[in-house]
PDB file of all heavy atoms in Angstrom:
ATOM      1  N   ALA A   1      22.372  17.132 -30.766  1.00  0.00           N
ATOM      2  CA  ALA A   1      23.325  15.961 -30.827  1.00  0.00           C
ATOM      3  C   ALA A   1      22.564  14.662 -30.760  1.00  0.00           C
ATOM      4  O   ALA A   1      21.504  14.622 -30.054  1.00  0.00           O
ATOM      5  CB  ALA A   1      24.374  16.045 -29.749  1.00  0.00           C
ATOM      6  N   PRO A   2      23.046  13.628 -31.446  1.00  0.00           N
ATOM      7  CA  PRO A   2      22.340  12.341 -31.311  1.00  0.00           C
ATOM      8  C   PRO A   2      22.202  11.815 -29.880  1.00  0.00           C
ATOM      9  O   PRO A   2      21.212  11.267 -29.500  1.00  0.00           O
ATOM     10  CB  PRO A   2      23.270  11.398 -32.106  1.00  0.00           C
ATOM     11  CG  PRO A   2      23.968  12.274 -33.038  1.00  0.00           C
ATOM     12  CD  PRO A   2      24.099  13.583 -32.376  1.00  0.00           C
ATOM     13  N   GLU A   3      23.257  12.038 -29.059  1.00  0.00           N
ATOM     14  CA  GLU A   3      23.163  11.619 -27.655  1.00  0.00           C
ATOM     15  C   GLU A   3      22.041  12.363 -26.869  1.00  0.00           C
ATOM     16  O   GLU A   3      21.425  11.859 -25.995  1.00  0.00           O
ATOM     17  CB  GLU A   3      24.532  11.865 -26.951  1.00  0.00           C
ATOM     18  CG  GLU A   3      25.546  10.820 -27.341  1.00  0.00           C
ATOM     19  CD  GLU A   3      25.115   9.404 -26.944  1.00  0.00           C
ATOM     20  OE1 GLU A   3      24.798   9.163 -25.785  1.00  0.00           O
ATOM     21  OE2 GLU A   3      25.110   8.527 -27.856  1.00  0.00           O
ATOM     22  N   THR A   4      21.867  13.637 -27.262  1.00  0.00           N
ATOM     23  CA  THR A   4      20.798  14.463 -26.645  1.00  0.00           C
ATOM     24  C   THR A   4      19.429  13.841 -26.971  1.00  0.00           C
ATOM     25  O   THR A   4      18.534  13.741 -26.110  1.00  0.00           O
ATOM     26  CB  THR A   4      20.868  15.914 -27.082  1.00  0.00           C
ATOM     27  OG1 THR A   4      22.125  16.417 -26.797  1.00  0.00           O
ATOM     28  CG2 THR A   4      19.774  16.740 -26.450  1.00  0.00           C
ATOM     29  N   VAL A   5      19.248  13.430 -28.244  1.00  0.00           N
ATOM     30  CA  VAL A   5      18.003  12.835 -28.641  1.00  0.00           C
ATOM     31  C   VAL A   5      17.776  11.543 -27.853  1.00  0.00           C
ATOM     32  O   VAL A   5      16.701  11.256 -27.312  1.00  0.00           O
ATOM     33  CB  VAL A   5      17.950  12.510 -30.178  1.00  0.00           C
ATOM     34  CG1 VAL A   5      16.683  11.828 -30.512  1.00  0.00           C
ATOM     35  CG2 VAL A   5      18.046  13.858 -30.927  1.00  0.00           C
ATOM     36  N   ARG A   6      18.809  10.689 -27.773  1.00  0.00           N
ATOM     37  CA  ARG A   6      18.657   9.462 -27.071  1.00  0.00           C
ATOM     38  C   ARG A   6      18.362   9.641 -25.595  1.00  0.00           C
ATOM     39  O   ARG A   6      17.456   8.972 -25.044  1.00  0.00           O
ATOM     40  CB  ARG A   6      19.973   8.666 -27.258  1.00  0.00           C
ATOM     41  CG  ARG A   6      19.887   7.277 -26.631  1.00  0.00           C
ATOM     42  CD  ARG A   6      21.047   6.422 -27.127  1.00  0.00           C
ATOM     43  NE  ARG A   6      22.330   6.958 -26.708  1.00  0.00           N
ATOM     44  CZ  ARG A   6      23.026   6.517 -25.626  1.00  0.00           C
ATOM     45  NH1 ARG A   6      22.563   5.547 -24.904  1.00  0.00           N
ATOM     46  NH2 ARG A   6      24.204   7.039 -25.359  1.00  0.00           N
ATOM     47  N   HIS A   7      19.103  10.560 -24.953  1.00  0.00           N
ATOM     48  CA  HIS A   7      18.861  10.788 -23.519  1.00  0.00           C
ATOM     49  C   HIS A   7      17.483  11.409 -23.283  1.00  0.00           C
ATOM     50  O   HIS A   7      16.835  11.136 -22.229  1.00  0.00           O
ATOM     51  CB  HIS A   7      19.956  11.586 -22.905  1.00  0.00           C
ATOM     52  CG  HIS A   7      21.270  10.930 -22.747  1.00  0.00           C
ATOM     53  ND1 HIS A   7      21.551  10.154 -21.602  1.00  0.00           N
ATOM     54  CD2 HIS A   7      22.294  10.769 -23.614  1.00  0.00           C
ATOM     55  CE1 HIS A   7      22.755   9.663 -21.766  1.00  0.00           C
ATOM     56  NE2 HIS A   7      23.232   9.950 -22.959  1.00  0.00           N
ATOM     57  N   THR A   8      17.067  12.285 -24.165  1.00  0.00           N
ATOM     58  CA  THR A   8      15.741  12.908 -23.992  1.00  0.00           C
ATOM     59  C   THR A   8      14.701  11.815 -24.155  1.00  0.00           C
ATOM     60  O   THR A   8      13.670  11.780 -23.372  1.00  0.00           O
ATOM     61  CB  THR A   8      15.532  13.977 -25.080  1.00  0.00           C
ATOM     62  OG1 THR A   8      16.567  14.992 -24.930  1.00  0.00           O
ATOM     63  CG2 THR A   8      14.192  14.660 -24.885  1.00  0.00           C
ATOM     64  N   TRP A   9      14.864  10.938 -25.073  1.00  0.00           N
ATOM     65  CA  TRP A   9      13.915   9.797 -25.200  1.00  0.00           C
ATOM     66  C   TRP A   9      13.919   8.932 -23.993  1.00  0.00           C
ATOM     67  O   TRP A   9      12.810   8.538 -23.499  1.00  0.00           O
ATOM     68  CB  TRP A   9      14.231   8.963 -26.429  1.00  0.00           C
ATOM     69  CG  TRP A   9      13.352   7.670 -26.558  1.00  0.00           C
ATOM     70  CD1 TRP A   9      13.752   6.442 -26.586  1.00  0.00           C
ATOM     71  CD2 TRP A   9      11.935   7.682 -26.675  1.00  0.00           C
ATOM     72  NE1 TRP A   9      12.682   5.560 -26.708  1.00  0.00           N
ATOM     73  CE2 TRP A   9      11.515   6.332 -26.749  1.00  0.00           C
ATOM     74  CE3 TRP A   9      10.997   8.616 -26.645  1.00  0.00           C
ATOM     75  CZ2 TRP A   9      10.221   5.921 -26.872  1.00  0.00           C
ATOM     76  CZ3 TRP A   9       9.599   8.259 -26.789  1.00  0.00           C
ATOM     77  CH2 TRP A   9       9.214   6.921 -26.885  1.00  0.00           C
ATOM     78  N   TRP A  10      15.005   8.667 -23.299  1.00  0.00           N
ATOM     79  CA  TRP A  10      15.051   7.951 -22.109  1.00  0.00           C
ATOM     80  C   TRP A  10      14.199   8.663 -20.926  1.00  0.00           C
ATOM     81  O   TRP A  10      13.533   8.039 -20.200  1.00  0.00           O
ATOM     82  CB  TRP A  10      16.518   7.742 -21.616  1.00  0.00           C
ATOM     83  CG  TRP A  10      17.228   6.683 -22.315  1.00  0.00           C
ATOM     84  CD1 TRP A  10      16.744   5.786 -23.209  1.00  0.00           C
ATOM     85  CD2 TRP A  10      18.638   6.431 -22.219  1.00  0.00           C
ATOM     86  NE1 TRP A  10      17.759   4.996 -23.730  1.00  0.00           N
ATOM     87  CE2 TRP A  10      18.993   5.407 -23.136  1.00  0.00           C
ATOM     88  CE3 TRP A  10      19.672   6.997 -21.559  1.00  0.00           C
ATOM     89  CZ2 TRP A  10      20.219   4.884 -23.282  1.00  0.00           C
ATOM     90  CZ3 TRP A  10      20.961   6.541 -21.749  1.00  0.00           C
ATOM     91  CH2 TRP A  10      21.234   5.488 -22.563  1.00  0.00           C
ATOM     92  N   ARG A  11      14.448   9.990 -20.886  1.00  0.00           N
ATOM     93  CA  ARG A  11      13.731  10.752 -19.914  1.00  0.00           C
ATOM     94  C   ARG A  11      12.200  10.764 -20.158  1.00  0.00           C
ATOM     95  O   ARG A  11      11.425  10.604 -19.190  1.00  0.00           O
ATOM     96  CB  ARG A  11      14.232  12.212 -19.883  1.00  0.00           C
ATOM     97  CG  ARG A  11      15.500  12.348 -19.082  1.00  0.00           C
ATOM     98  CD  ARG A  11      15.878  13.813 -18.786  1.00  0.00           C
ATOM     99  NE  ARG A  11      16.015  14.578 -20.000  1.00  0.00           N
ATOM    100  CZ  ARG A  11      17.149  14.658 -20.706  1.00  0.00           C
ATOM    101  NH1 ARG A  11      18.236  13.962 -20.337  1.00  0.00           N
ATOM    102  NH2 ARG A  11      17.256  15.446 -21.752  1.00  0.00           N
ATOM    103  N   VAL A  12      11.788  10.805 -21.433  1.00  0.00           N
ATOM    104  CA  VAL A  12      10.363  10.747 -21.689  1.00  0.00           C
ATOM    105  C   VAL A  12       9.855   9.422 -21.308  1.00  0.00           C
ATOM    106  O   VAL A  12       8.790   9.350 -20.652  1.00  0.00           O
ATOM    107  CB  VAL A  12      10.171  11.071 -23.211  1.00  0.00           C
ATOM    108  CG1 VAL A  12       8.716  10.677 -23.582  1.00  0.00           C
ATOM    109  CG2 VAL A  12      10.455  12.487 -23.535  1.00  0.00           C
ATOM    110  N   ARG A  13      10.516   8.304 -21.644  1.00  0.00           N
ATOM    111  CA  ARG A  13      10.046   6.972 -21.261  1.00  0.00           C
ATOM    112  C   ARG A  13       9.951   6.873 -19.745  1.00  0.00           C
ATOM    113  O   ARG A  13       8.948   6.301 -19.260  1.00  0.00           O
ATOM    114  CB  ARG A  13      11.024   5.895 -21.797  1.00  0.00           C
ATOM    115  CG  ARG A  13      10.903   5.809 -23.369  1.00  0.00           C
ATOM    116  CD  ARG A  13      11.857   4.780 -23.844  1.00  0.00           C
ATOM    117  NE  ARG A  13      11.826   3.493 -23.167  1.00  0.00           N
ATOM    118  CZ  ARG A  13      12.742   2.669 -23.163  1.00  0.00           C
ATOM    119  NH1 ARG A  13      13.845   2.748 -23.843  1.00  0.00           N
ATOM    120  NH2 ARG A  13      12.605   1.454 -22.481  1.00  0.00           N
ATOM    121  N   ARG A  14      10.920   7.334 -19.022  1.00  0.00           N
ATOM    122  CA  ARG A  14      10.881   7.240 -17.544  1.00  0.00           C
ATOM    123  C   ARG A  14       9.733   8.046 -16.987  1.00  0.00           C
ATOM    124  O   ARG A  14       8.972   7.583 -16.172  1.00  0.00           O
ATOM    125  CB  ARG A  14      12.263   7.828 -17.012  1.00  0.00           C
ATOM    126  CG  ARG A  14      12.265   7.859 -15.462  1.00  0.00           C
ATOM    127  CD  ARG A  14      13.330   8.777 -14.988  1.00  0.00           C
ATOM    128  NE  ARG A  14      13.009  10.173 -15.408  1.00  0.00           N
ATOM    129  CZ  ARG A  14      13.852  11.179 -15.493  1.00  0.00           C
ATOM    130  NH1 ARG A  14      15.126  10.898 -15.175  1.00  0.00           N
ATOM    131  NH2 ARG A  14      13.456  12.353 -15.885  1.00  0.00           N
ATOM    132  N   ASP A  15       9.490   9.240 -17.507  1.00  0.00           N
ATOM    133  CA  ASP A  15       8.412  10.087 -17.028  1.00  0.00           C
ATOM    134  C   ASP A  15       7.007   9.546 -17.307  1.00  0.00           C
ATOM    135  O   ASP A  15       6.108   9.599 -16.546  1.00  0.00           O
ATOM    136  CB  ASP A  15       8.571  11.491 -17.604  1.00  0.00           C
ATOM    137  CG  ASP A  15       9.781  12.223 -17.046  1.00  0.00           C
ATOM    138  OD1 ASP A  15      10.421  11.684 -16.104  1.00  0.00           O
ATOM    139  OD2 ASP A  15      10.089  13.308 -17.590  1.00  0.00           O
ATOM    140  N   VAL A  16       6.933   8.984 -18.569  1.00  0.00           N
ATOM    141  CA  VAL A  16       5.607   8.365 -18.928  1.00  0.00           C
ATOM    142  C   VAL A  16       5.315   7.134 -18.027  1.00  0.00           C
ATOM    143  O   VAL A  16       4.225   6.946 -17.503  1.00  0.00           O
ATOM    144  CB  VAL A  16       5.602   7.994 -20.416  1.00  0.00           C
ATOM    145  CG1 VAL A  16       4.426   7.048 -20.715  1.00  0.00           C
ATOM    146  CG2 VAL A  16       5.546   9.211 -21.294  1.00  0.00           C
ATOM    147  N   ALA A  17       6.323   6.298 -17.750  1.00  0.00           N
ATOM    148  CA  ALA A  17       6.199   5.156 -16.924  1.00  0.00           C
ATOM    149  C   ALA A  17       5.810   5.572 -15.529  1.00  0.00           C
ATOM    150  O   ALA A  17       4.928   5.013 -14.840  1.00  0.00           O
ATOM    151  CB  ALA A  17       7.470   4.316 -16.906  1.00  0.00           C
ATOM    152  N   ALA A  18       6.464   6.666 -14.963  1.00  0.00           N
ATOM    153  CA  ALA A  18       6.170   7.148 -13.642  1.00  0.00           C
ATOM    154  C   ALA A  18       4.743   7.669 -13.604  1.00  0.00           C
ATOM    155  O   ALA A  18       4.003   7.460 -12.557  1.00  0.00           O
ATOM    156  CB  ALA A  18       7.122   8.248 -13.267  1.00  0.00           C
ATOM    157  N   ALA A  19       4.286   8.337 -14.620  1.00  0.00           N
ATOM    158  CA  ALA A  19       2.943   8.825 -14.600  1.00  0.00           C
ATOM    159  C   ALA A  19       1.931   7.694 -14.680  1.00  0.00           C
ATOM    160  O   ALA A  19       0.920   7.762 -13.935  1.00  0.00           O
ATOM    161  CB  ALA A  19       2.659   9.702 -15.902  1.00  0.00           C
ATOM    162  N   MET A  20       2.188   6.613 -15.389  1.00  0.00           N
ATOM    163  CA  MET A  20       1.348   5.505 -15.409  1.00  0.00           C
ATOM    164  C   MET A  20       1.292   4.839 -13.991  1.00  0.00           C
ATOM    165  O   MET A  20       0.229   4.392 -13.617  1.00  0.00           O
ATOM    166  CB  MET A  20       1.783   4.512 -16.519  1.00  0.00           C
ATOM    167  CG  MET A  20       1.553   4.992 -17.878  1.00  0.00           C
ATOM    168  SD  MET A  20       2.207   3.959 -19.184  1.00  0.00           S
ATOM    169  CE  MET A  20       1.138   2.510 -18.995  1.00  0.00           C
ATOM    170  N   ASP A  21       2.448   4.769 -13.383  1.00  0.00           N
ATOM    171  CA  ASP A  21       2.511   4.135 -12.027  1.00  0.00           C
ATOM    172  C   ASP A  21       1.627   4.968 -11.060  1.00  0.00           C
ATOM    173  O   ASP A  21       0.938   4.413 -10.226  1.00  0.00           O
ATOM    174  CB  ASP A  21       3.916   4.044 -11.529  1.00  0.00           C
ATOM    175  CG  ASP A  21       4.721   2.960 -12.192  1.00  0.00           C
ATOM    176  OD1 ASP A  21       4.059   2.063 -12.822  1.00  0.00           O
ATOM    177  OD2 ASP A  21       5.942   2.883 -12.028  1.00  0.00           O
ATOM    178  N   ARG A  22       1.698   6.273 -11.175  1.00  0.00           N
ATOM    179  CA  ARG A  22       0.982   7.148 -10.289  1.00  0.00           C
ATOM    180  C   ARG A  22      -0.519   6.945 -10.496  1.00  0.00           C
ATOM    181  O   ARG A  22      -1.329   7.026  -9.489  1.00  0.00           O
ATOM    182  CB  ARG A  22       1.358   8.596 -10.447  1.00  0.00           C
ATOM    183  CG  ARG A  22       2.626   9.022  -9.849  1.00  0.00           C
ATOM    184  CD  ARG A  22       2.846  10.553  -9.770  1.00  0.00           C
ATOM    185  NE  ARG A  22       2.773  11.107 -11.116  1.00  0.00           N
ATOM    186  CZ  ARG A  22       3.807  11.296 -11.932  1.00  0.00           C
ATOM    187  NH1 ARG A  22       4.986  10.895 -11.516  1.00  0.00           N
ATOM    188  NH2 ARG A  22       3.674  11.853 -13.101  1.00  0.00           N
ATOM    189  N   ARG A  23      -0.930   6.667 -11.695  1.00  0.00           N
ATOM    190  CA  ARG A  23      -2.355   6.489 -11.950  1.00  0.00           C
ATOM    191  C   ARG A  23      -2.839   5.131 -11.403  1.00  0.00           C
ATOM    192  O   ARG A  23      -4.029   5.053 -10.989  1.00  0.00           O
ATOM    193  CB  ARG A  23      -2.642   6.514 -13.463  1.00  0.00           C
ATOM    194  CG  ARG A  23      -2.621   7.863 -14.093  1.00  0.00           C
ATOM    195  CD  ARG A  23      -2.970   7.825 -15.468  1.00  0.00           C
ATOM    196  NE  ARG A  23      -2.258   8.852 -16.184  1.00  0.00           N
ATOM    197  CZ  ARG A  23      -1.552   8.705 -17.306  1.00  0.00           C
ATOM    198  NH1 ARG A  23      -1.568   7.465 -17.906  1.00  0.00           N
ATOM    199  NH2 ARG A  23      -0.905   9.686 -17.839  1.00  0.00           N
ATOM    200  N   THR A  24      -1.983   4.149 -11.311  1.00  0.00           N
ATOM    201  CA  THR A  24      -2.437   2.826 -10.906  1.00  0.00           C
ATOM    202  C   THR A  24      -2.158   2.656  -9.408  1.00  0.00           C
ATOM    203  O   THR A  24      -2.774   1.653  -8.832  1.00  0.00           O
ATOM    204  CB  THR A  24      -1.702   1.715 -11.665  1.00  0.00           C
ATOM    205  OG1 THR A  24      -0.311   1.905 -11.541  1.00  0.00           O
ATOM    206  CG2 THR A  24      -2.040   1.831 -13.120  1.00  0.00           C
ATOM    207  N   VAL A  25      -1.404   3.489  -8.738  1.00  0.00           N
ATOM    208  CA  VAL A  25      -1.185   3.337  -7.291  1.00  0.00           C
ATOM    209  C   VAL A  25      -2.453   3.557  -6.526  1.00  0.00           C
ATOM    210  O   VAL A  25      -3.221   4.488  -6.823  1.00  0.00           O
ATOM    211  CB  VAL A  25      -0.078   4.303  -6.792  1.00  0.00           C
ATOM    212  CG1 VAL A  25      -0.057   4.360  -5.304  1.00  0.00           C
ATOM    213  CG2 VAL A  25       1.224   3.911  -7.345  1.00  0.00           C
ATOM    214  N   GLY A  26      -2.783   2.685  -5.589  1.00  0.00           N
ATOM    215  CA  GLY A  26      -4.006   2.825  -4.823  1.00  0.00           C
ATOM    216  C   GLY A  26      -5.153   2.108  -5.414  1.00  0.00           C
ATOM    217  O   GLY A  26      -6.129   1.928  -4.729  1.00  0.00           O
ATOM    218  N   LYS A  27      -5.094   1.690  -6.636  1.00  0.00           N
ATOM    219  CA  LYS A  27      -6.164   0.968  -7.243  1.00  0.00           C
ATOM    220  C   LYS A  27      -5.828  -0.513  -7.169  1.00  0.00           C
ATOM    221  O   LYS A  27      -4.910  -0.913  -7.908  1.00  0.00           O
ATOM    222  CB  LYS A  27      -6.345   1.368  -8.711  1.00  0.00           C
ATOM    223  CG  LYS A  27      -6.817   2.801  -8.926  1.00  0.00           C
ATOM    224  CD  LYS A  27      -7.029   3.061 -10.369  1.00  0.00           C
ATOM    225  CE  LYS A  27      -7.460   4.517 -10.642  1.00  0.00           C
ATOM    226  NZ  LYS A  27      -7.551   4.796 -12.060  1.00  0.00           N
ATOM    227  N   PRO A  28      -6.541  -1.269  -6.388  1.00  0.00           N
ATOM    228  CA  PRO A  28      -6.231  -2.724  -6.281  1.00  0.00           C
ATOM    229  C   PRO A  28      -6.678  -3.398  -7.626  1.00  0.00           C
ATOM    230  O   PRO A  28      -7.625  -2.966  -8.268  1.00  0.00           O
ATOM    231  CB  PRO A  28      -7.106  -3.160  -5.227  1.00  0.00           C
ATOM    232  CG  PRO A  28      -8.204  -2.196  -4.971  1.00  0.00           C
ATOM    233  CD  PRO A  28      -7.638  -0.890  -5.474  1.00  0.00           C
ATOM    234  N   PRO A  29      -5.900  -4.317  -8.078  1.00  0.00           N
ATOM    235  CA  PRO A  29      -6.308  -5.005  -9.284  1.00  0.00           C
ATOM    236  C   PRO A  29      -7.612  -5.742  -9.122  1.00  0.00           C
ATOM    237  O   PRO A  29      -7.965  -6.258  -8.055  1.00  0.00           O
ATOM    238  CB  PRO A  29      -5.171  -6.048  -9.512  1.00  0.00           C
ATOM    239  CG  PRO A  29      -4.532  -6.261  -8.176  1.00  0.00           C
ATOM    240  CD  PRO A  29      -4.728  -4.948  -7.442  1.00  0.00           C
ATOM    241  N   LYS A  30      -8.370  -5.701 -10.161  1.00  0.00           N
ATOM    242  CA  LYS A  30      -9.688  -6.461 -10.138  1.00  0.00           C
ATOM    243  C   LYS A  30      -9.464  -7.937 -10.155  1.00  0.00           C
ATOM    244  O   LYS A  30      -8.626  -8.443 -10.924  1.00  0.00           O
ATOM    245  CB  LYS A  30     -10.560  -6.026 -11.346  1.00  0.00           C
ATOM    246  CG  LYS A  30     -10.920  -4.546 -11.303  1.00  0.00           C
ATOM    247  CD  LYS A  30     -11.906  -4.227 -12.407  1.00  0.00           C
ATOM    248  CE  LYS A  30     -12.347  -2.823 -12.241  1.00  0.00           C
ATOM    249  NZ  LYS A  30     -13.352  -2.445 -13.246  1.00  0.00           N
ATOM    250  N   PRO A  31     -10.208  -8.646  -9.337  1.00  0.00           N
ATOM    251  CA  PRO A  31      -9.989 -10.131  -9.311  1.00  0.00           C
ATOM    252  C   PRO A  31     -10.459 -10.785 -10.577  1.00  0.00           C
ATOM    253  O   PRO A  31     -11.448 -10.304 -11.155  1.00  0.00           O
ATOM    254  CB  PRO A  31     -10.773 -10.582  -8.125  1.00  0.00           C
ATOM    255  CG  PRO A  31     -11.821  -9.472  -7.836  1.00  0.00           C
ATOM    256  CD  PRO A  31     -11.189  -8.256  -8.329  1.00  0.00           C
ATOM    257  N   ALA A  32      -9.799 -11.800 -11.000  1.00  0.00           N
ATOM    258  CA  ALA A  32     -10.185 -12.496 -12.293  1.00  0.00           C
ATOM    259  C   ALA A  32     -11.539 -13.224 -11.995  1.00  0.00           C
ATOM    260  O   ALA A  32     -12.304 -13.399 -12.891  1.00  0.00           O
ATOM    261  CB  ALA A  32      -9.130 -13.516 -12.669  1.00  0.00           C
ATOM    262  N   VAL A  33     -11.739 -13.689 -10.729  1.00  0.00           N
ATOM    263  CA  VAL A  33     -12.948 -14.365 -10.388  1.00  0.00           C
ATOM    264  C   VAL A  33     -13.535 -13.690  -9.135  1.00  0.00           C
ATOM    265  O   VAL A  33     -12.904 -13.279  -8.282  1.00  0.00           O
ATOM    266  CB  VAL A  33     -12.602 -15.860 -10.027  1.00  0.00           C
ATOM    267  CG1 VAL A  33     -13.879 -16.592  -9.607  1.00  0.00           C
ATOM    268  CG2 VAL A  33     -11.947 -16.519 -11.200  1.00  0.00           C
ATOM    269  N   THR A  34     -14.828 -13.513  -9.235  1.00  0.00           N
ATOM    270  CA  THR A  34     -15.497 -12.860  -8.081  1.00  0.00           C
ATOM    271  C   THR A  34     -15.551 -13.864  -6.960  1.00  0.00           C
ATOM    272  O   THR A  34     -16.041 -14.999  -7.095  1.00  0.00           O
ATOM    273  CB  THR A  34     -16.938 -12.522  -8.485  1.00  0.00           C
ATOM    274  OG1 THR A  34     -16.886 -11.655  -9.684  1.00  0.00           O
ATOM    275  CG2 THR A  34     -17.645 -11.786  -7.405  1.00  0.00           C
ATOM    276  N   PRO A  35     -15.000 -13.460  -5.768  1.00  0.00           N
ATOM    277  CA  PRO A  35     -15.075 -14.351  -4.641  1.00  0.00           C
ATOM    278  C   PRO A  35     -16.455 -14.611  -4.137  1.00  0.00           C
ATOM    279  O   PRO A  35     -17.303 -13.699  -4.164  1.00  0.00           O
ATOM    280  CB  PRO A  35     -14.210 -13.576  -3.633  1.00  0.00           C
ATOM    281  CG  PRO A  35     -14.148 -12.238  -4.019  1.00  0.00           C
ATOM    282  CD  PRO A  35     -14.398 -12.167  -5.492  1.00  0.00           C
ATOM    283  N   VAL A  36     -16.669 -15.827  -3.729  1.00  0.00           N
ATOM    284  CA  VAL A  36     -18.006 -16.197  -3.156  1.00  0.00           C
ATOM    285  C   VAL A  36     -17.810 -16.380  -1.602  1.00  0.00           C
ATOM    286  O   VAL A  36     -16.888 -17.057  -1.183  1.00  0.00           O
ATOM    287  CB  VAL A  36     -18.493 -17.538  -3.824  1.00  0.00           C
ATOM    288  CG1 VAL A  36     -19.734 -18.001  -3.216  1.00  0.00           C
ATOM    289  CG2 VAL A  36     -18.604 -17.352  -5.291  1.00  0.00           C
ATOM    290  N   SER A  37     -18.686 -15.798  -0.920  1.00  0.00           N
ATOM    291  CA  SER A  37     -18.558 -15.961   0.541  1.00  0.00           C
ATOM    292  C   SER A  37     -19.601 -16.974   0.967  1.00  0.00           C
ATOM    293  O   SER A  37     -20.721 -17.052   0.460  1.00  0.00           O
ATOM    294  CB  SER A  37     -18.873 -14.637   1.286  1.00  0.00           C
ATOM    295  OG  SER A  37     -20.211 -14.161   0.973  1.00  0.00           O
ATOM    296  N   ARG A  38     -19.110 -17.874   1.882  1.00  0.00           N
ATOM    297  CA  ARG A  38     -19.962 -18.994   2.338  1.00  0.00           C
ATOM    298  C   ARG A  38     -20.048 -18.778   3.842  1.00  0.00           C
ATOM    299  O   ARG A  38     -19.152 -18.350   4.504  1.00  0.00           O
ATOM    300  CB  ARG A  38     -19.372 -20.314   2.031  1.00  0.00           C
ATOM    301  CG  ARG A  38     -19.281 -20.574   0.519  1.00  0.00           C
ATOM    302  CD  ARG A  38     -18.747 -21.957   0.302  1.00  0.00           C
ATOM    303  NE  ARG A  38     -18.753 -22.115  -1.208  1.00  0.00           N
ATOM    304  CZ  ARG A  38     -17.946 -23.012  -1.799  1.00  0.00           C
ATOM    305  NH1 ARG A  38     -17.138 -23.731  -1.131  1.00  0.00           N
ATOM    306  NH2 ARG A  38     -17.936 -23.083  -3.125  1.00  0.00           N
ATOM    307  N   PRO A  39     -21.221 -19.189   4.409  1.00  0.00           N
ATOM    308  CA  PRO A  39     -21.323 -19.098   5.825  1.00  0.00           C
ATOM    309  C   PRO A  39     -20.373 -20.110   6.536  1.00  0.00           C
ATOM    310  O   PRO A  39     -20.087 -21.121   5.964  1.00  0.00           O
ATOM    311  CB  PRO A  39     -22.840 -19.482   6.092  1.00  0.00           C
ATOM    312  CG  PRO A  39     -23.246 -20.183   4.891  1.00  0.00           C
ATOM    313  CD  PRO A  39     -22.404 -19.693   3.745  1.00  0.00           C
TER     314      PRO A  39
END
């Protein structure tokens, strides 16, 4: 059924987004500029 295709696509999108979130959890974003430490 057309509704089955649409709902299946929603589940696939949700699952792919969750998988991407799991890959990025725990990895801090890289800073755009390297911080400089001064005494």
